[in-house]
Amino acid sequence: MRTLDVRVLCDTTARLLVEANYQIPPDILEALRAAAKSEQSEIGRQTLAHLVRNYEVAAAERLPVCQDSGVTVVLLETGQEVHWTGGSIEQAIFEGIRRGTSNGYLRVSVVGDPIARRTAAGAPPGVIHYEIVEGDRVRLTLASKGFGAENMSALRMFAPADGPAAVKDFIVDVIEHAGANACPPVIVGVGIGGTFEKAALLAKKAVLRPIDRRHQRPETAALEAELLDRINCLGIGPQGLGGVVTALAVNVELYPTHIAGLPVAVNIGCHSNRRVSTEL
């Protein structure tokens, strides 16, 4: 049995939130640099070069990469042999989000009441997903999810008879409909299977997977490559200004589902796709 105090979780959450908003993941930055060389459109190349420069300045000057610091999404994998002490895990994470937002001079982008669109005392400042795993390890993944991309995400409950072609068309259509609103070049997370809510969570996890890591199943990796090619043939291009780099990657995650079901969710990440992970 391993004992951890929730204060460690709070402090780590606060630190990671600032880090995620000041410095984008290295795999995405390298992909943007490569895209700036391969993009065929002149204005697209210039746009990508400006994005790269923005991220370099943000990292060097310790400044937020974007004015929209988004909604903080936390994925907490905690081992079943871990004993947490010192208070509530959830409240520790929420306090870490509040502290990181203040320390990092990040915009408060969450309204407490989604219908009335007003703040609410004690409202959660983020979204937490928990996963119990074997052993005594703890892995914390944090993402700042801006809503330009999040708003363009979608989910559809297909019938199995609709087949793979309909699933592929749906995924590509989601990106085409998103156009410039999702701040391309985007990262596309796709969740297939499970139930209504499981497919959405799969898509969220997929969009947070490093873009230089393909799916371990060859047929799924081939699907990722096919979808990326189709999306980049849409002509949307960087920031919607036209070009061949509309997406940097398509990540697909699968889960078993009902014999009568075929849930498919698409979650979009903008060109910064702010995320960071650590183990406690």
C-alpha atoms as a PDB file:
ATOM      1  CA  MET A   1       0.000   0.000   0.000  1.00  0.00           C
ATOM      2  CA  ARG A   2       1.296   3.465  -0.950  1.00  0.00           C
ATOM      3  CA  THR A   3       0.118   6.560   0.913  1.00  0.00           C
ATOM      4  CA  LEU A   4      -0.192   9.941  -0.803  1.00  0.00           C
ATOM      5  CA  ASP A   5      -1.454  13.232   0.561  1.00  0.00           C
ATOM      6  CA  VAL A   6      -3.944  15.078  -1.615  1.00  0.00           C
ATOM      7  CA  ARG A   7      -1.832  18.231  -1.224  1.00  0.00           C
ATOM      8  CA  VAL A   8       0.637  16.670  -3.677  1.00  0.00           C
ATOM      9  CA  LEU A   9      -2.204  16.309  -6.163  1.00  0.00           C
ATOM     10  CA  CYS A  10      -3.269  19.925  -5.624  1.00  0.00           C
ATOM     11  CA  ASP A  11       0.251  21.305  -6.050  1.00  0.00           C
ATOM     12  CA  THR A  12       0.918  19.180  -9.142  1.00  0.00           C
ATOM     13  CA  THR A  13      -2.356  20.198 -10.773  1.00  0.00           C
ATOM     14  CA  ALA A  14      -1.567  23.888 -10.248  1.00  0.00           C
ATOM     15  CA  ARG A  15       1.918  23.490 -11.717  1.00  0.00           C
ATOM     16  CA  LEU A  16       0.813  21.439 -14.718  1.00  0.00           C
ATOM     17  CA  LEU A  17      -1.969  23.865 -15.616  1.00  0.00           C
ATOM     18  CA  VAL A  18       0.513  26.719 -15.955  1.00  0.00           C
ATOM     19  CA  GLU A  19       2.957  24.522 -17.867  1.00  0.00           C
ATOM     20  CA  ALA A  20       0.280  23.360 -20.308  1.00  0.00           C
ATOM     21  CA  ASN A  21      -0.742  26.928 -21.084  1.00  0.00           C
ATOM     22  CA  TYR A  22       2.798  28.252 -21.514  1.00  0.00           C
ATOM     23  CA  GLN A  23       4.356  25.474 -23.555  1.00  0.00           C
ATOM     24  CA  ILE A  24       2.622  23.231 -26.082  1.00  0.00           C
ATOM     25  CA  PRO A  25       3.594  19.535 -26.377  1.00  0.00           C
ATOM     26  CA  PRO A  26       6.894  18.997 -28.207  1.00  0.00           C
ATOM     27  CA  ASP A  27       5.395  16.474 -30.639  1.00  0.00           C
ATOM     28  CA  ILE A  28       2.848  19.065 -31.789  1.00  0.00           C
ATOM     29  CA  LEU A  29       5.430  21.845 -32.077  1.00  0.00           C
ATOM     30  CA  GLU A  30       7.664  19.614 -34.218  1.00  0.00           C
ATOM     31  CA  ALA A  31       4.690  18.663 -36.393  1.00  0.00           C
ATOM     32  CA  LEU A  32       3.860  22.352 -36.923  1.00  0.00           C
ATOM     33  CA  ARG A  33       7.468  23.058 -37.928  1.00  0.00           C
ATOM     34  CA  ALA A  34       7.356  20.189 -40.418  1.00  0.00           C
ATOM     35  CA  ALA A  35       3.979  21.346 -41.722  1.00  0.00           C
ATOM     36  CA  ALA A  36       5.368  24.841 -42.329  1.00  0.00           C
ATOM     37  CA  LYS A  37       7.810  23.253 -44.774  1.00  0.00           C
ATOM     38  CA  SER A  38       5.389  20.856 -46.477  1.00  0.00           C
ATOM     39  CA  GLU A  39       2.366  23.171 -46.826  1.00  0.00           C
ATOM     40  CA  GLN A  40       1.840  24.040 -50.503  1.00  0.00           C
ATOM     41  CA  SER A  41      -0.051  27.278 -49.915  1.00  0.00           C
ATOM     42  CA  GLU A  42       2.102  30.380 -49.405  1.00  0.00           C
ATOM     43  CA  ILE A  43      -0.330  31.948 -46.956  1.00  0.00           C
ATOM     44  CA  GLY A  44      -0.603  28.591 -45.228  1.00  0.00           C
ATOM     45  CA  ARG A  45       3.173  28.406 -44.779  1.00  0.00           C
ATOM     46  CA  GLN A  46       3.235  31.942 -43.402  1.00  0.00           C
ATOM     47  CA  THR A  47       0.405  31.148 -41.007  1.00  0.00           C
ATOM     48  CA  LEU A  48       2.161  28.047 -39.703  1.00  0.00           C
ATOM     49  CA  ALA A  49       5.400  29.981 -39.277  1.00  0.00           C
ATOM     50  CA  HIS A  50       3.538  32.603 -37.216  1.00  0.00           C
ATOM     51  CA  LEU A  51       2.007  29.863 -35.042  1.00  0.00           C
ATOM     52  CA  VAL A  52       5.409  28.325 -34.387  1.00  0.00           C
ATOM     53  CA  ARG A  53       6.873  31.721 -33.533  1.00  0.00           C
ATOM     54  CA  ASN A  54       3.991  32.421 -31.146  1.00  0.00           C
ATOM     55  CA  TYR A  55       4.673  29.181 -29.276  1.00  0.00           C
ATOM     56  CA  GLU A  56       8.402  29.834 -29.117  1.00  0.00           C
ATOM     57  CA  VAL A  57       7.842  33.305 -27.635  1.00  0.00           C
ATOM     58  CA  ALA A  58       5.232  31.986 -25.176  1.00  0.00           C
ATOM     59  CA  ALA A  59       7.647  29.342 -23.878  1.00  0.00           C
ATOM     60  CA  ALA A  60      10.603  31.746 -23.651  1.00  0.00           C
ATOM     61  CA  GLU A  61       8.660  34.595 -22.008  1.00  0.00           C
ATOM     62  CA  ARG A  62       6.450  32.365 -19.809  1.00  0.00           C
ATOM     63  CA  LEU A  63       3.223  33.659 -21.308  1.00  0.00           C
ATOM     64  CA  PRO A  64      -0.044  31.881 -22.163  1.00  0.00           C
ATOM     65  CA  VAL A  65      -0.029  30.554 -25.727  1.00  0.00           C
ATOM     66  CA  CYS A  66      -3.648  31.669 -26.247  1.00  0.00           C
ATOM     67  CA  GLN A  67      -6.089  34.070 -24.626  1.00  0.00           C
ATOM     68  CA  ASP A  68      -8.576  31.202 -24.229  1.00  0.00           C
ATOM     69  CA  SER A  69      -7.218  29.023 -21.438  1.00  0.00           C
ATOM     70  CA  GLY A  70     -10.252  26.782 -21.928  1.00  0.00           C
ATOM     71  CA  VAL A  71     -11.839  24.292 -19.560  1.00  0.00           C
ATOM     72  CA  THR A  72      -9.361  22.234 -17.571  1.00  0.00           C
ATOM     73  CA  VAL A  73      -9.833  18.521 -18.181  1.00  0.00           C
ATOM     74  CA  VAL A  74      -8.082  16.166 -15.775  1.00  0.00           C
ATOM     75  CA  LEU A  75      -7.561  12.440 -16.345  1.00  0.00           C
ATOM     76  CA  LEU A  76      -6.504  10.786 -13.090  1.00  0.00           C
ATOM     77  CA  GLU A  77      -5.271   7.188 -13.200  1.00  0.00           C
ATOM     78  CA  THR A  78      -4.775   5.994  -9.646  1.00  0.00           C
ATOM     79  CA  GLY A  79      -3.662   2.554  -8.546  1.00  0.00           C
ATOM     80  CA  GLN A  80      -5.934   0.462  -6.390  1.00  0.00           C
ATOM     81  CA  GLU A  81      -3.039   0.103  -3.942  1.00  0.00           C
ATOM     82  CA  VAL A  82      -2.864   3.859  -3.349  1.00  0.00           C
ATOM     83  CA  HIS A  83      -4.297   5.281  -0.127  1.00  0.00           C
ATOM     84  CA  TRP A  84      -5.124   8.994  -0.374  1.00  0.00           C
ATOM     85  CA  THR A  85      -5.048  11.061   2.825  1.00  0.00           C
ATOM     86  CA  GLY A  86      -5.595  14.675   3.816  1.00  0.00           C
ATOM     87  CA  GLY A  87      -9.017  15.335   2.345  1.00  0.00           C
ATOM     88  CA  SER A  88     -11.021  15.078  -0.865  1.00  0.00           C
ATOM     89  CA  ILE A  89      -9.249  14.093  -4.104  1.00  0.00           C
ATOM     90  CA  GLU A  90     -11.782  16.016  -6.135  1.00  0.00           C
ATOM     91  CA  GLN A  91     -11.541  19.190  -4.077  1.00  0.00           C
ATOM     92  CA  ALA A  92      -7.740  19.007  -4.165  1.00  0.00           C
ATOM     93  CA  ILE A  93      -7.790  18.926  -7.964  1.00  0.00           C
ATOM     94  CA  PHE A  94     -10.315  21.749  -8.154  1.00  0.00           C
ATOM     95  CA  GLU A  95      -8.218  23.867  -5.777  1.00  0.00           C
ATOM     96  CA  GLY A  96      -5.179  23.127  -7.936  1.00  0.00           C
ATOM     97  CA  ILE A  97      -7.057  24.361 -11.008  1.00  0.00           C
ATOM     98  CA  ARG A  98      -8.065  27.569  -9.223  1.00  0.00           C
ATOM     99  CA  ARG A  99      -4.527  28.142  -7.975  1.00  0.00           C
ATOM    100  CA  GLY A 100      -2.946  27.429 -11.357  1.00  0.00           C
ATOM    101  CA  THR A 101      -5.383  29.753 -13.097  1.00  0.00           C
ATOM    102  CA  SER A 102      -4.449  32.549 -10.692  1.00  0.00           C
ATOM    103  CA  ASN A 103      -0.701  31.877 -10.668  1.00  0.00           C
ATOM    104  CA  GLY A 104      -0.523  31.612 -14.440  1.00  0.00           C
ATOM    105  CA  TYR A 105      -2.623  34.711 -15.114  1.00  0.00           C
ATOM    106  CA  LEU A 106      -5.017  32.562 -17.128  1.00  0.00           C
ATOM    107  CA  ARG A 107      -8.442  33.698 -18.218  1.00  0.00           C
ATOM    108  CA  VAL A 108     -11.309  32.277 -16.171  1.00  0.00           C
ATOM    109  CA  SER A 109     -13.424  30.674 -18.886  1.00  0.00           C
ATOM    110  CA  VAL A 110     -15.927  28.616 -16.875  1.00  0.00           C
ATOM    111  CA  VAL A 111     -19.464  29.753 -16.006  1.00  0.00           C
ATOM    112  CA  GLY A 112     -21.071  28.042 -13.045  1.00  0.00           C
ATOM    113  CA  ASP A 113     -24.585  27.931 -14.499  1.00  0.00           C
ATOM    114  CA  PRO A 114     -24.556  26.795 -18.151  1.00  0.00           C
ATOM    115  CA  ILE A 115     -28.130  27.931 -18.808  1.00  0.00           C
ATOM    116  CA  ALA A 116     -28.177  31.306 -17.054  1.00  0.00           C
ATOM    117  CA  ARG A 117     -24.533  31.917 -18.119  1.00  0.00           C
ATOM    118  CA  ARG A 118     -23.477  33.281 -14.762  1.00  0.00           C
ATOM    119  CA  THR A 119     -20.928  32.401 -12.115  1.00  0.00           C
ATOM    120  CA  ALA A 120     -21.947  30.247  -9.185  1.00  0.00           C
ATOM    121  CA  ALA A 121     -20.204  30.103  -5.824  1.00  0.00           C
ATOM    122  CA  GLY A 122     -18.265  26.893  -5.380  1.00  0.00           C
ATOM    123  CA  ALA A 123     -18.856  25.741  -8.948  1.00  0.00           C
ATOM    124  CA  PRO A 124     -16.306  23.169 -10.199  1.00  0.00           C
ATOM    125  CA  PRO A 125     -13.633  24.926 -12.290  1.00  0.00           C
ATOM    126  CA  GLY A 126     -12.935  21.884 -14.466  1.00  0.00           C
ATOM    127  CA  VAL A 127     -13.847  18.328 -15.460  1.00  0.00           C
ATOM    128  CA  ILE A 128     -12.291  15.215 -13.911  1.00  0.00           C
ATOM    129  CA  HIS A 129     -12.239  11.668 -15.267  1.00  0.00           C
ATOM    130  CA  TYR A 130     -11.104   8.906 -12.896  1.00  0.00           C
ATOM    131  CA  GLU A 131      -9.660   5.512 -13.749  1.00  0.00           C
ATOM    132  CA  ILE A 132      -8.677   2.853 -11.206  1.00  0.00           C
ATOM    133  CA  VAL A 133      -5.690   0.809 -12.379  1.00  0.00           C
ATOM    134  CA  GLU A 134      -3.612  -2.012 -10.925  1.00  0.00           C
ATOM    135  CA  GLY A 135      -0.704  -1.372  -8.609  1.00  0.00           C
ATOM    136  CA  ASP A 136       0.336   1.772  -6.750  1.00  0.00           C
ATOM    137  CA  ARG A 137       1.121   4.182  -9.561  1.00  0.00           C
ATOM    138  CA  VAL A 138      -0.629   7.493 -10.165  1.00  0.00           C
ATOM    139  CA  ARG A 139      -0.667   9.205 -13.550  1.00  0.00           C
ATOM    140  CA  LEU A 140      -2.102  12.677 -14.002  1.00  0.00           C
ATOM    141  CA  THR A 141      -2.945  14.094 -17.429  1.00  0.00           C
ATOM    142  CA  LEU A 142      -4.172  17.657 -17.718  1.00  0.00           C
ATOM    143  CA  ALA A 143      -5.534  19.445 -20.774  1.00  0.00           C
ATOM    144  CA  SER A 144      -6.710  23.007 -21.322  1.00  0.00           C
ATOM    145  CA  LYS A 145      -9.580  22.531 -23.754  1.00  0.00           C
ATOM    146  CA  GLY A 146     -10.503  25.644 -25.703  1.00  0.00           C
ATOM    147  CA  PHE A 147     -14.025  25.664 -27.071  1.00  0.00           C
ATOM    148  CA  GLY A 148     -13.330  26.757 -30.628  1.00  0.00           C
ATOM    149  CA  ALA A 149     -12.415  23.126 -31.265  1.00  0.00           C
ATOM    150  CA  GLU A 150     -14.573  21.566 -28.540  1.00  0.00           C
ATOM    151  CA  ASN A 151     -17.742  23.178 -29.922  1.00  0.00           C
ATOM    152  CA  MET A 152     -17.176  21.505 -33.290  1.00  0.00           C
ATOM    153  CA  SER A 153     -16.963  17.988 -31.826  1.00  0.00           C
ATOM    154  CA  ALA A 154     -19.778  15.528 -32.498  1.00  0.00           C
ATOM    155  CA  LEU A 155     -21.200  12.101 -31.685  1.00  0.00           C
ATOM    156  CA  ARG A 156     -23.465   9.810 -33.675  1.00  0.00           C
ATOM    157  CA  MET A 157     -25.094   6.497 -32.819  1.00  0.00           C
ATOM    158  CA  PHE A 158     -24.776   4.414 -35.982  1.00  0.00           C
ATOM    159  CA  ALA A 159     -26.436   1.081 -36.673  1.00  0.00           C
ATOM    160  CA  PRO A 160     -23.968  -1.698 -37.466  1.00  0.00           C
ATOM    161  CA  ALA A 161     -25.545  -2.030 -40.911  1.00  0.00           C
ATOM    162  CA  ASP A 162     -24.383   1.513 -41.742  1.00  0.00           C
ATOM    163  CA  GLY A 163     -20.908   0.073 -42.119  1.00  0.00           C
ATOM    164  CA  PRO A 164     -17.353   1.444 -42.102  1.00  0.00           C
ATOM    165  CA  ALA A 165     -17.901   3.781 -45.065  1.00  0.00           C
ATOM    166  CA  ALA A 166     -20.598   5.734 -43.223  1.00  0.00           C
ATOM    167  CA  VAL A 167     -18.376   6.010 -40.136  1.00  0.00           C
ATOM    168  CA  LYS A 168     -15.486   7.379 -42.198  1.00  0.00           C
ATOM    169  CA  ASP A 169     -17.725   9.849 -44.017  1.00  0.00           C
ATOM    170  CA  PHE A 170     -19.115  11.097 -40.703  1.00  0.00           C
ATOM    171  CA  ILE A 171     -15.656  11.735 -39.266  1.00  0.00           C
ATOM    172  CA  VAL A 172     -14.517  13.641 -42.355  1.00  0.00           C
ATOM    173  CA  ASP A 173     -17.798  15.587 -42.492  1.00  0.00           C
ATOM    174  CA  VAL A 174     -17.320  16.730 -38.870  1.00  0.00           C
ATOM    175  CA  ILE A 175     -13.980  18.294 -39.790  1.00  0.00           C
ATOM    176  CA  GLU A 176     -15.322  19.801 -42.986  1.00  0.00           C
ATOM    177  CA  HIS A 177     -18.210  21.373 -41.067  1.00  0.00           C
ATOM    178  CA  ALA A 178     -15.795  22.693 -38.431  1.00  0.00           C
ATOM    179  CA  GLY A 179     -13.774  24.555 -41.058  1.00  0.00           C
ATOM    180  CA  ALA A 180     -11.813  27.444 -39.576  1.00  0.00           C
ATOM    181  CA  ASN A 181     -13.805  27.434 -36.311  1.00  0.00           C
ATOM    182  CA  ALA A 182     -11.672  24.688 -34.752  1.00  0.00           C
ATOM    183  CA  CYS A 183      -8.396  26.604 -35.340  1.00  0.00           C
ATOM    184  CA  PRO A 184      -6.708  24.238 -37.802  1.00  0.00           C
ATOM    185  CA  PRO A 185      -4.432  22.471 -38.267  1.00  0.00           C
ATOM    186  CA  VAL A 186      -6.300  20.273 -35.820  1.00  0.00           C
ATOM    187  CA  ILE A 187      -5.763  17.020 -34.003  1.00  0.00           C
ATOM    188  CA  VAL A 188      -8.705  14.667 -34.463  1.00  0.00           C
ATOM    189  CA  GLY A 189      -9.627  12.233 -31.700  1.00  0.00           C
ATOM    190  CA  VAL A 190     -12.049   9.452 -32.623  1.00  0.00           C
ATOM    191  CA  GLY A 191     -13.767   7.069 -30.224  1.00  0.00           C
ATOM    192  CA  ILE A 192     -15.567   4.044 -31.653  1.00  0.00           C
ATOM    193  CA  GLY A 193     -17.559   1.575 -29.577  1.00  0.00           C
ATOM    194  CA  GLY A 194     -18.729   1.254 -26.007  1.00  0.00           C
ATOM    195  CA  THR A 195     -21.832   3.279 -25.197  1.00  0.00           C
ATOM    196  CA  PHE A 196     -22.922   6.877 -25.760  1.00  0.00           C
ATOM    197  CA  GLU A 197     -20.712   8.280 -23.007  1.00  0.00           C
ATOM    198  CA  LYS A 198     -17.850   5.792 -23.475  1.00  0.00           C
ATOM    199  CA  ALA A 199     -17.365   6.768 -27.123  1.00  0.00           C
ATOM    200  CA  ALA A 200     -17.072  10.431 -26.112  1.00  0.00           C
ATOM    201  CA  LEU A 201     -14.482   9.639 -23.440  1.00  0.00           C
ATOM    202  CA  LEU A 202     -12.557   7.475 -25.909  1.00  0.00           C
ATOM    203  CA  ALA A 203     -12.467  10.404 -28.327  1.00  0.00           C
ATOM    204  CA  LYS A 204     -11.209  12.705 -25.563  1.00  0.00           C
ATOM    205  CA  LYS A 205      -8.453  10.258 -24.676  1.00  0.00           C
ATOM    206  CA  ALA A 206      -7.615   9.837 -28.355  1.00  0.00           C
ATOM    207  CA  VAL A 207      -7.179  13.560 -28.959  1.00  0.00           C
ATOM    208  CA  LEU A 208      -4.771  13.674 -26.008  1.00  0.00           C
ATOM    209  CA  ARG A 209      -2.609  10.831 -27.306  1.00  0.00           C
ATOM    210  CA  PRO A 210       0.785  12.024 -28.640  1.00  0.00           C
ATOM    211  CA  ILE A 211       0.446  12.547 -32.377  1.00  0.00           C
ATOM    212  CA  ASP A 212       3.662  10.692 -33.168  1.00  0.00           C
ATOM    213  CA  ARG A 213       2.236   7.470 -31.717  1.00  0.00           C
ATOM    214  CA  ARG A 214       0.037   5.402 -33.983  1.00  0.00           C
ATOM    215  CA  HIS A 215      -2.490   2.799 -32.853  1.00  0.00           C
ATOM    216  CA  GLN A 216      -0.909  -0.554 -32.018  1.00  0.00           C
ATOM    217  CA  ARG A 217      -3.355  -2.462 -34.223  1.00  0.00           C
ATOM    218  CA  PRO A 218      -2.186  -2.252 -37.863  1.00  0.00           C
ATOM    219  CA  GLU A 219      -5.710  -2.036 -39.280  1.00  0.00           C
ATOM    220  CA  THR A 220      -6.601   0.819 -36.924  1.00  0.00           C
ATOM    221  CA  ALA A 221      -3.344   2.613 -37.719  1.00  0.00           C
ATOM    222  CA  ALA A 222      -4.242   2.258 -41.408  1.00  0.00           C
ATOM    223  CA  LEU A 223      -7.659   3.803 -40.668  1.00  0.00           C
ATOM    224  CA  GLU A 224      -5.950   6.747 -38.945  1.00  0.00           C
ATOM    225  CA  ALA A 225      -3.749   7.306 -42.000  1.00  0.00           C
ATOM    226  CA  GLU A 226      -6.677   7.053 -44.416  1.00  0.00           C
ATOM    227  CA  LEU A 227      -8.754   9.563 -42.460  1.00  0.00           C
ATOM    228  CA  LEU A 228      -5.825  11.989 -42.178  1.00  0.00           C
ATOM    229  CA  ASP A 229      -5.315  11.870 -45.930  1.00  0.00           C
ATOM    230  CA  ARG A 230      -9.001  12.482 -46.634  1.00  0.00           C
ATOM    231  CA  ILE A 231      -9.179  15.362 -44.168  1.00  0.00           C
ATOM    232  CA  ASN A 232      -6.097  17.029 -45.626  1.00  0.00           C
ATOM    233  CA  CYS A 233      -7.684  16.818 -49.067  1.00  0.00           C
ATOM    234  CA  LEU A 234     -10.552  19.056 -47.896  1.00  0.00           C
ATOM    235  CA  GLY A 235      -8.501  22.189 -48.661  1.00  0.00           C
ATOM    236  CA  ILE A 236      -9.359  23.956 -45.393  1.00  0.00           C
ATOM    237  CA  GLY A 237      -5.701  24.500 -44.514  1.00  0.00           C
ATOM    238  CA  PRO A 238      -4.062  26.396 -41.646  1.00  0.00           C
ATOM    239  CA  GLN A 239      -6.549  28.683 -39.898  1.00  0.00           C
ATOM    240  CA  GLY A 240      -9.008  27.951 -42.699  1.00  0.00           C
ATOM    241  CA  LEU A 241      -7.014  29.969 -45.223  1.00  0.00           C
ATOM    242  CA  GLY A 242      -6.579  27.086 -47.651  1.00  0.00           C
ATOM    243  CA  GLY A 243      -3.909  24.461 -48.037  1.00  0.00           C
ATOM    244  CA  VAL A 244      -3.066  20.797 -47.556  1.00  0.00           C
ATOM    245  CA  VAL A 245      -2.441  20.821 -43.790  1.00  0.00           C
ATOM    246  CA  THR A 246      -5.880  20.795 -42.206  1.00  0.00           C
ATOM    247  CA  ALA A 247      -5.015  18.162 -39.584  1.00  0.00           C
ATOM    248  CA  LEU A 248      -1.761  17.104 -37.990  1.00  0.00           C
ATOM    249  CA  ALA A 249      -3.029  13.704 -36.891  1.00  0.00           C
ATOM    250  CA  VAL A 250      -6.044  11.456 -36.516  1.00  0.00           C
ATOM    251  CA  ASN A 251      -6.003   9.260 -33.397  1.00  0.00           C
ATOM    252  CA  VAL A 252      -8.558   6.451 -33.107  1.00  0.00           C
ATOM    253  CA  GLU A 253      -9.455   4.474 -29.979  1.00  0.00           C
ATOM    254  CA  LEU A 254     -11.759   1.433 -29.912  1.00  0.00           C
ATOM    255  CA  TYR A 255     -13.864  -0.364 -27.309  1.00  0.00           C
ATOM    256  CA  PRO A 256     -16.239  -3.362 -27.470  1.00  0.00           C
ATOM    257  CA  THR A 257     -19.888  -2.471 -28.002  1.00  0.00           C
ATOM    258  CA  HIS A 258     -23.366  -3.986 -28.214  1.00  0.00           C
ATOM    259  CA  ILE A 259     -24.283  -6.203 -31.177  1.00  0.00           C
ATOM    260  CA  ALA A 260     -26.899  -3.615 -32.174  1.00  0.00           C
ATOM    261  CA  GLY A 261     -24.717  -0.540 -31.694  1.00  0.00           C
ATOM    262  CA  LEU A 262     -21.922   1.454 -33.306  1.00  0.00           C
ATOM    263  CA  PRO A 263     -21.298   4.688 -31.352  1.00  0.00           C
ATOM    264  CA  VAL A 264     -18.804   7.082 -32.955  1.00  0.00           C
ATOM    265  CA  ALA A 265     -17.525  10.277 -31.341  1.00  0.00           C
ATOM    266  CA  VAL A 266     -15.175  12.912 -32.753  1.00  0.00           C
ATOM    267  CA  ASN A 267     -13.329  15.281 -30.431  1.00  0.00           C
ATOM    268  CA  ILE A 268     -11.221  18.020 -32.000  1.00  0.00           C
ATOM    269  CA  GLY A 269      -8.100  19.651 -30.613  1.00  0.00           C
ATOM    270  CA  CYS A 270      -6.862  22.979 -31.974  1.00  0.00           C
ATOM    271  CA  HIS A 271      -3.309  23.473 -33.245  1.00  0.00           C
ATOM    272  CA  SER A 272      -1.970  23.906 -29.690  1.00  0.00           C
ATOM    273  CA  ASN A 273      -3.904  20.987 -28.144  1.00  0.00           C
ATOM    274  CA  ARG A 274      -2.549  21.884 -24.712  1.00  0.00           C
ATOM    275  CA  ARG A 275      -1.832  18.799 -22.625  1.00  0.00           C
ATOM    276  CA  VAL A 276       0.749  17.583 -20.145  1.00  0.00           C
ATOM    277  CA  SER A 277       1.195  14.373 -18.131  1.00  0.00           C
ATOM    278  CA  THR A 278       3.206  13.288 -15.133  1.00  0.00           C
ATOM    279  CA  GLU A 279       3.452  10.422 -12.659  1.00  0.00           C
ATOM    280  CA  LEU A 280       3.287  10.973  -8.917  1.00  0.00           C
END
